[in-house]
N, C-alpha and C. Protein backbone atom coordinates (compact mmCIF):
# COMPACT_ATOMS: atom_id res chain seq x y z
N MET A 1 42.36 -143.04 28.53
CA MET A 1 42.30 -141.84 29.34
C MET A 1 43.58 -141.74 30.17
N ILE A 2 44.27 -140.60 30.09
CA ILE A 2 45.49 -140.39 30.85
C ILE A 2 45.11 -139.76 32.17
N LYS A 3 45.61 -140.34 33.24
CA LYS A 3 45.25 -139.89 34.57
C LYS A 3 46.52 -139.58 35.35
N ALA A 4 46.67 -138.35 35.79
CA ALA A 4 47.84 -137.97 36.59
C ALA A 4 47.67 -138.56 37.99
N THR A 5 48.72 -139.18 38.50
CA THR A 5 48.61 -139.82 39.81
C THR A 5 49.34 -139.06 40.89
N GLY A 6 50.27 -138.18 40.49
CA GLY A 6 51.03 -137.47 41.50
C GLY A 6 52.03 -138.37 42.21
N LEU A 7 52.42 -139.47 41.58
CA LEU A 7 53.37 -140.40 42.18
C LEU A 7 54.69 -140.34 41.43
N PRO A 8 55.56 -139.40 41.79
CA PRO A 8 56.86 -139.35 41.08
C PRO A 8 57.69 -140.60 41.39
N ARG A 9 58.40 -141.05 40.39
CA ARG A 9 59.27 -142.21 40.53
C ARG A 9 60.66 -141.84 40.05
N ARG A 10 61.66 -142.33 40.75
CA ARG A 10 63.05 -142.08 40.38
C ARG A 10 63.56 -143.24 39.53
N ILE A 11 64.30 -142.92 38.47
CA ILE A 11 64.93 -143.94 37.62
C ILE A 11 66.23 -144.36 38.28
N ASP A 12 66.46 -145.68 38.40
CA ASP A 12 67.71 -146.14 39.02
C ASP A 12 68.86 -146.11 38.02
N HIS A 13 70.04 -146.51 38.47
CA HIS A 13 71.23 -146.42 37.63
C HIS A 13 71.19 -147.33 36.40
N LEU A 14 70.26 -148.29 36.36
CA LEU A 14 70.10 -149.16 35.19
C LEU A 14 68.94 -148.70 34.29
N GLY A 15 68.32 -147.57 34.61
CA GLY A 15 67.22 -147.05 33.81
C GLY A 15 65.86 -147.63 34.17
N ARG A 16 65.76 -148.29 35.30
CA ARG A 16 64.50 -148.93 35.70
C ARG A 16 63.66 -148.00 36.58
N ILE A 17 62.34 -148.20 36.50
CA ILE A 17 61.42 -147.54 37.42
C ILE A 17 60.49 -148.60 37.98
N VAL A 18 59.85 -148.30 39.09
CA VAL A 18 58.87 -149.21 39.67
C VAL A 18 57.49 -148.67 39.34
N VAL A 19 56.67 -149.50 38.70
CA VAL A 19 55.29 -149.13 38.42
C VAL A 19 54.49 -149.41 39.69
N PRO A 20 53.80 -148.40 40.23
CA PRO A 20 53.06 -148.58 41.48
C PRO A 20 52.07 -149.74 41.41
N VAL A 21 51.96 -150.47 42.50
CA VAL A 21 51.11 -151.65 42.56
C VAL A 21 49.66 -151.32 42.22
N GLU A 22 49.19 -150.14 42.61
CA GLU A 22 47.80 -149.76 42.30
C GLU A 22 47.58 -149.71 40.79
N MET A 23 48.55 -149.19 40.06
CA MET A 23 48.44 -149.11 38.59
C MET A 23 48.51 -150.50 37.98
N ARG A 24 49.40 -151.34 38.50
CA ARG A 24 49.52 -152.71 37.97
C ARG A 24 48.23 -153.48 38.18
N ARG A 25 47.61 -153.31 39.35
CA ARG A 25 46.34 -154.00 39.62
C ARG A 25 45.25 -153.48 38.70
N MET A 26 45.18 -152.15 38.52
CA MET A 26 44.14 -151.54 37.70
C MET A 26 44.23 -152.03 36.26
N LEU A 27 45.46 -152.21 35.74
CA LEU A 27 45.66 -152.65 34.36
C LEU A 27 45.91 -154.16 34.25
N GLU A 28 45.80 -154.87 35.37
CA GLU A 28 46.01 -156.32 35.42
C GLU A 28 47.37 -156.71 34.85
N ILE A 29 48.41 -156.01 35.30
CA ILE A 29 49.79 -156.29 34.89
C ILE A 29 50.42 -157.14 35.98
N SER A 30 50.97 -158.27 35.61
CA SER A 30 51.59 -159.20 36.56
C SER A 30 53.09 -159.29 36.30
N PRO A 31 53.87 -159.74 37.30
CA PRO A 31 55.31 -159.94 37.07
C PRO A 31 55.53 -160.84 35.86
N GLY A 32 56.44 -160.45 34.99
CA GLY A 32 56.74 -161.21 33.78
C GLY A 32 55.97 -160.77 32.56
N ASP A 33 54.89 -159.97 32.75
CA ASP A 33 54.14 -159.46 31.59
C ASP A 33 55.02 -158.51 30.79
N GLU A 34 54.77 -158.45 29.49
CA GLU A 34 55.51 -157.54 28.62
C GLU A 34 54.74 -156.23 28.48
N LEU A 35 55.48 -155.13 28.44
CA LEU A 35 54.89 -153.82 28.23
C LEU A 35 55.47 -153.21 26.97
N GLU A 36 54.64 -152.49 26.24
CA GLU A 36 55.11 -151.76 25.08
C GLU A 36 55.51 -150.37 25.54
N ILE A 37 56.69 -149.92 25.14
CA ILE A 37 57.20 -148.60 25.51
C ILE A 37 57.18 -147.74 24.26
N SER A 38 56.52 -146.58 24.34
CA SER A 38 56.47 -145.69 23.19
C SER A 38 56.64 -144.25 23.65
N VAL A 39 56.98 -143.39 22.70
CA VAL A 39 57.14 -141.97 22.97
C VAL A 39 56.03 -141.23 22.26
N GLN A 40 55.32 -140.39 22.99
CA GLN A 40 54.26 -139.56 22.42
C GLN A 40 54.55 -138.12 22.83
N GLY A 41 55.03 -137.34 21.88
CA GLY A 41 55.41 -135.96 22.20
C GLY A 41 56.59 -135.97 23.15
N ASP A 42 56.41 -135.37 24.32
CA ASP A 42 57.48 -135.35 25.31
C ASP A 42 57.21 -136.32 26.46
N SER A 43 56.37 -137.33 26.20
CA SER A 43 56.02 -138.31 27.22
C SER A 43 56.41 -139.72 26.81
N ILE A 44 56.72 -140.53 27.80
CA ILE A 44 56.97 -141.96 27.59
C ILE A 44 55.72 -142.69 28.06
N THR A 45 55.21 -143.59 27.22
CA THR A 45 54.00 -144.32 27.54
C THR A 45 54.31 -145.80 27.67
N LEU A 46 53.81 -146.42 28.74
CA LEU A 46 53.90 -147.87 28.94
C LEU A 46 52.50 -148.43 28.77
N SER A 47 52.36 -149.45 27.93
CA SER A 47 51.06 -150.08 27.70
C SER A 47 51.20 -151.58 27.79
N PRO A 48 50.22 -152.27 28.39
CA PRO A 48 50.27 -153.73 28.38
C PRO A 48 50.31 -154.22 26.94
N LEU A 49 51.20 -155.16 26.67
CA LEU A 49 51.33 -155.71 25.33
C LEU A 49 50.19 -156.68 25.09
N LYS A 50 49.42 -156.43 24.05
CA LYS A 50 48.30 -157.31 23.73
C LYS A 50 48.80 -158.48 22.93
N LYS A 51 48.40 -159.66 23.32
CA LYS A 51 48.78 -160.87 22.59
C LYS A 51 47.97 -160.95 21.32
N GLY A 52 48.62 -161.38 20.27
CA GLY A 52 47.95 -161.55 19.00
C GLY A 52 48.93 -162.09 17.99
N CYS A 53 48.40 -162.61 16.91
CA CYS A 53 49.23 -163.12 15.82
C CYS A 53 50.12 -162.00 15.30
N VAL A 54 51.41 -162.27 15.12
CA VAL A 54 52.35 -161.25 14.64
C VAL A 54 52.01 -160.80 13.22
N PHE A 55 51.25 -161.57 12.48
CA PHE A 55 50.92 -161.23 11.10
C PHE A 55 49.56 -160.55 10.96
N CYS A 56 48.53 -161.10 11.62
CA CYS A 56 47.17 -160.56 11.40
C CYS A 56 46.54 -159.96 12.66
N GLY A 57 47.11 -160.24 13.84
CA GLY A 57 46.60 -159.65 15.07
C GLY A 57 45.52 -160.44 15.78
N THR A 58 45.01 -161.50 15.16
CA THR A 58 43.96 -162.28 15.81
C THR A 58 44.46 -162.86 17.13
N GLU A 59 43.54 -163.08 18.06
CA GLU A 59 43.92 -163.61 19.37
C GLU A 59 43.47 -165.06 19.55
N GLU A 60 42.92 -165.68 18.51
CA GLU A 60 42.36 -167.02 18.63
C GLU A 60 43.33 -168.10 18.16
N GLY A 61 43.44 -169.18 18.95
CA GLY A 61 44.20 -170.36 18.55
C GLY A 61 45.69 -170.14 18.40
N LEU A 62 46.25 -169.22 19.15
CA LEU A 62 47.66 -168.87 18.97
C LEU A 62 48.61 -169.98 19.39
N ARG A 63 49.68 -170.11 18.66
CA ARG A 63 50.80 -171.00 18.98
C ARG A 63 52.05 -170.15 19.05
N THR A 64 52.96 -170.50 19.92
CA THR A 64 54.21 -169.74 20.04
C THR A 64 55.31 -170.43 19.27
N TYR A 65 56.02 -169.67 18.44
CA TYR A 65 57.17 -170.15 17.71
C TYR A 65 58.26 -169.10 17.84
N ARG A 66 59.38 -169.49 18.42
CA ARG A 66 60.51 -168.58 18.64
C ARG A 66 60.06 -167.26 19.28
N ASP A 67 59.28 -167.39 20.35
CA ASP A 67 58.77 -166.25 21.13
C ASP A 67 57.82 -165.35 20.36
N LYS A 68 57.24 -165.83 19.28
CA LYS A 68 56.26 -165.07 18.50
C LYS A 68 54.96 -165.85 18.47
N GLU A 69 53.83 -165.14 18.56
CA GLU A 69 52.52 -165.77 18.50
C GLU A 69 52.04 -165.81 17.05
N ILE A 70 51.59 -166.98 16.59
CA ILE A 70 51.11 -167.15 15.22
C ILE A 70 49.79 -167.91 15.25
N CYS A 71 48.81 -167.43 14.50
CA CYS A 71 47.51 -168.10 14.45
C CYS A 71 47.57 -169.25 13.43
N PRO A 72 46.64 -170.20 13.52
CA PRO A 72 46.65 -171.34 12.60
C PRO A 72 46.55 -170.94 11.13
N SER A 73 45.76 -169.93 10.81
CA SER A 73 45.59 -169.51 9.42
C SER A 73 46.90 -168.98 8.84
N CYS A 74 47.59 -168.11 9.58
CA CYS A 74 48.86 -167.56 9.08
C CYS A 74 49.94 -168.64 9.04
N ALA A 75 49.92 -169.57 10.01
CA ALA A 75 50.89 -170.66 10.00
C ALA A 75 50.69 -171.52 8.75
N SER A 76 49.44 -171.76 8.39
CA SER A 76 49.13 -172.55 7.20
C SER A 76 49.62 -171.83 5.94
N GLU A 77 49.38 -170.51 5.87
CA GLU A 77 49.85 -169.74 4.72
C GLU A 77 51.37 -169.77 4.61
N LEU A 78 52.05 -169.68 5.76
CA LEU A 78 53.52 -169.74 5.75
C LEU A 78 54.00 -171.09 5.25
N ARG A 79 53.37 -172.17 5.76
CA ARG A 79 53.75 -173.52 5.31
C ARG A 79 53.60 -173.64 3.81
N THR A 80 52.46 -173.20 3.29
CA THR A 80 52.21 -173.27 1.86
C THR A 80 53.23 -172.45 1.09
N SER A 81 53.50 -171.26 1.57
CA SER A 81 54.45 -170.37 0.90
C SER A 81 55.85 -170.98 0.88
N PHE A 82 56.30 -171.49 2.03
CA PHE A 82 57.64 -172.05 2.10
C PHE A 82 57.75 -173.38 1.39
N ASN A 83 56.71 -174.18 1.44
CA ASN A 83 56.75 -175.46 0.72
C ASN A 83 56.85 -175.20 -0.77
N GLY A 84 56.11 -174.25 -1.29
CA GLY A 84 56.19 -173.90 -2.70
C GLY A 84 57.56 -173.37 -3.06
N SER A 85 58.13 -172.51 -2.22
CA SER A 85 59.46 -171.94 -2.48
C SER A 85 60.52 -173.02 -2.43
N HIS A 86 60.41 -173.93 -1.45
CA HIS A 86 61.39 -174.99 -1.28
C HIS A 86 61.40 -175.90 -2.51
N GLU A 87 60.20 -176.28 -2.96
CA GLU A 87 60.12 -177.13 -4.14
C GLU A 87 60.68 -176.42 -5.36
N HIS A 88 60.45 -175.12 -5.45
CA HIS A 88 60.98 -174.36 -6.57
C HIS A 88 62.50 -174.39 -6.58
N TYR A 89 63.13 -174.21 -5.42
CA TYR A 89 64.59 -174.22 -5.35
C TYR A 89 65.14 -175.61 -5.66
N GLU A 90 64.48 -176.66 -5.15
CA GLU A 90 64.94 -178.02 -5.46
C GLU A 90 64.81 -178.29 -6.96
N HIS A 91 63.71 -177.81 -7.54
CA HIS A 91 63.48 -178.01 -8.96
C HIS A 91 64.58 -177.32 -9.79
N GLN A 92 64.98 -176.12 -9.40
CA GLN A 92 66.03 -175.41 -10.12
C GLN A 92 67.37 -176.14 -10.01
N GLU A 93 67.69 -176.67 -8.81
CA GLU A 93 68.97 -177.35 -8.60
C GLU A 93 69.07 -178.59 -9.49
N HIS A 94 67.96 -179.32 -9.67
CA HIS A 94 67.98 -180.54 -10.47
C HIS A 94 68.14 -180.26 -11.95
N HIS A 95 67.81 -179.07 -12.40
CA HIS A 95 67.86 -178.75 -13.82
C HIS A 95 69.06 -177.91 -14.21
N GLU A 96 69.99 -177.71 -13.29
CA GLU A 96 71.17 -176.91 -13.64
C GLU A 96 72.31 -177.77 -14.05
């Protein structure tokens, strides 16, 4: 639900704005949290970034790798995929 607040904010010379504390509290946004910025028509929308696996979106058992969240199931699939590919490349090198 979009709610007009009547709180105009000025953009500073670096393109920053201050999100009012009342809005941050209402959406449980804390310093350091990431926000998703999107354009909808002629409006800019800020939304709290939901944590989830970068591949499947699940929120359970997440591990961070290079600033990305990955669930155990997708991590296992990646390991299997890369292990198979790695062995394939080694196999080709030995037969050339």
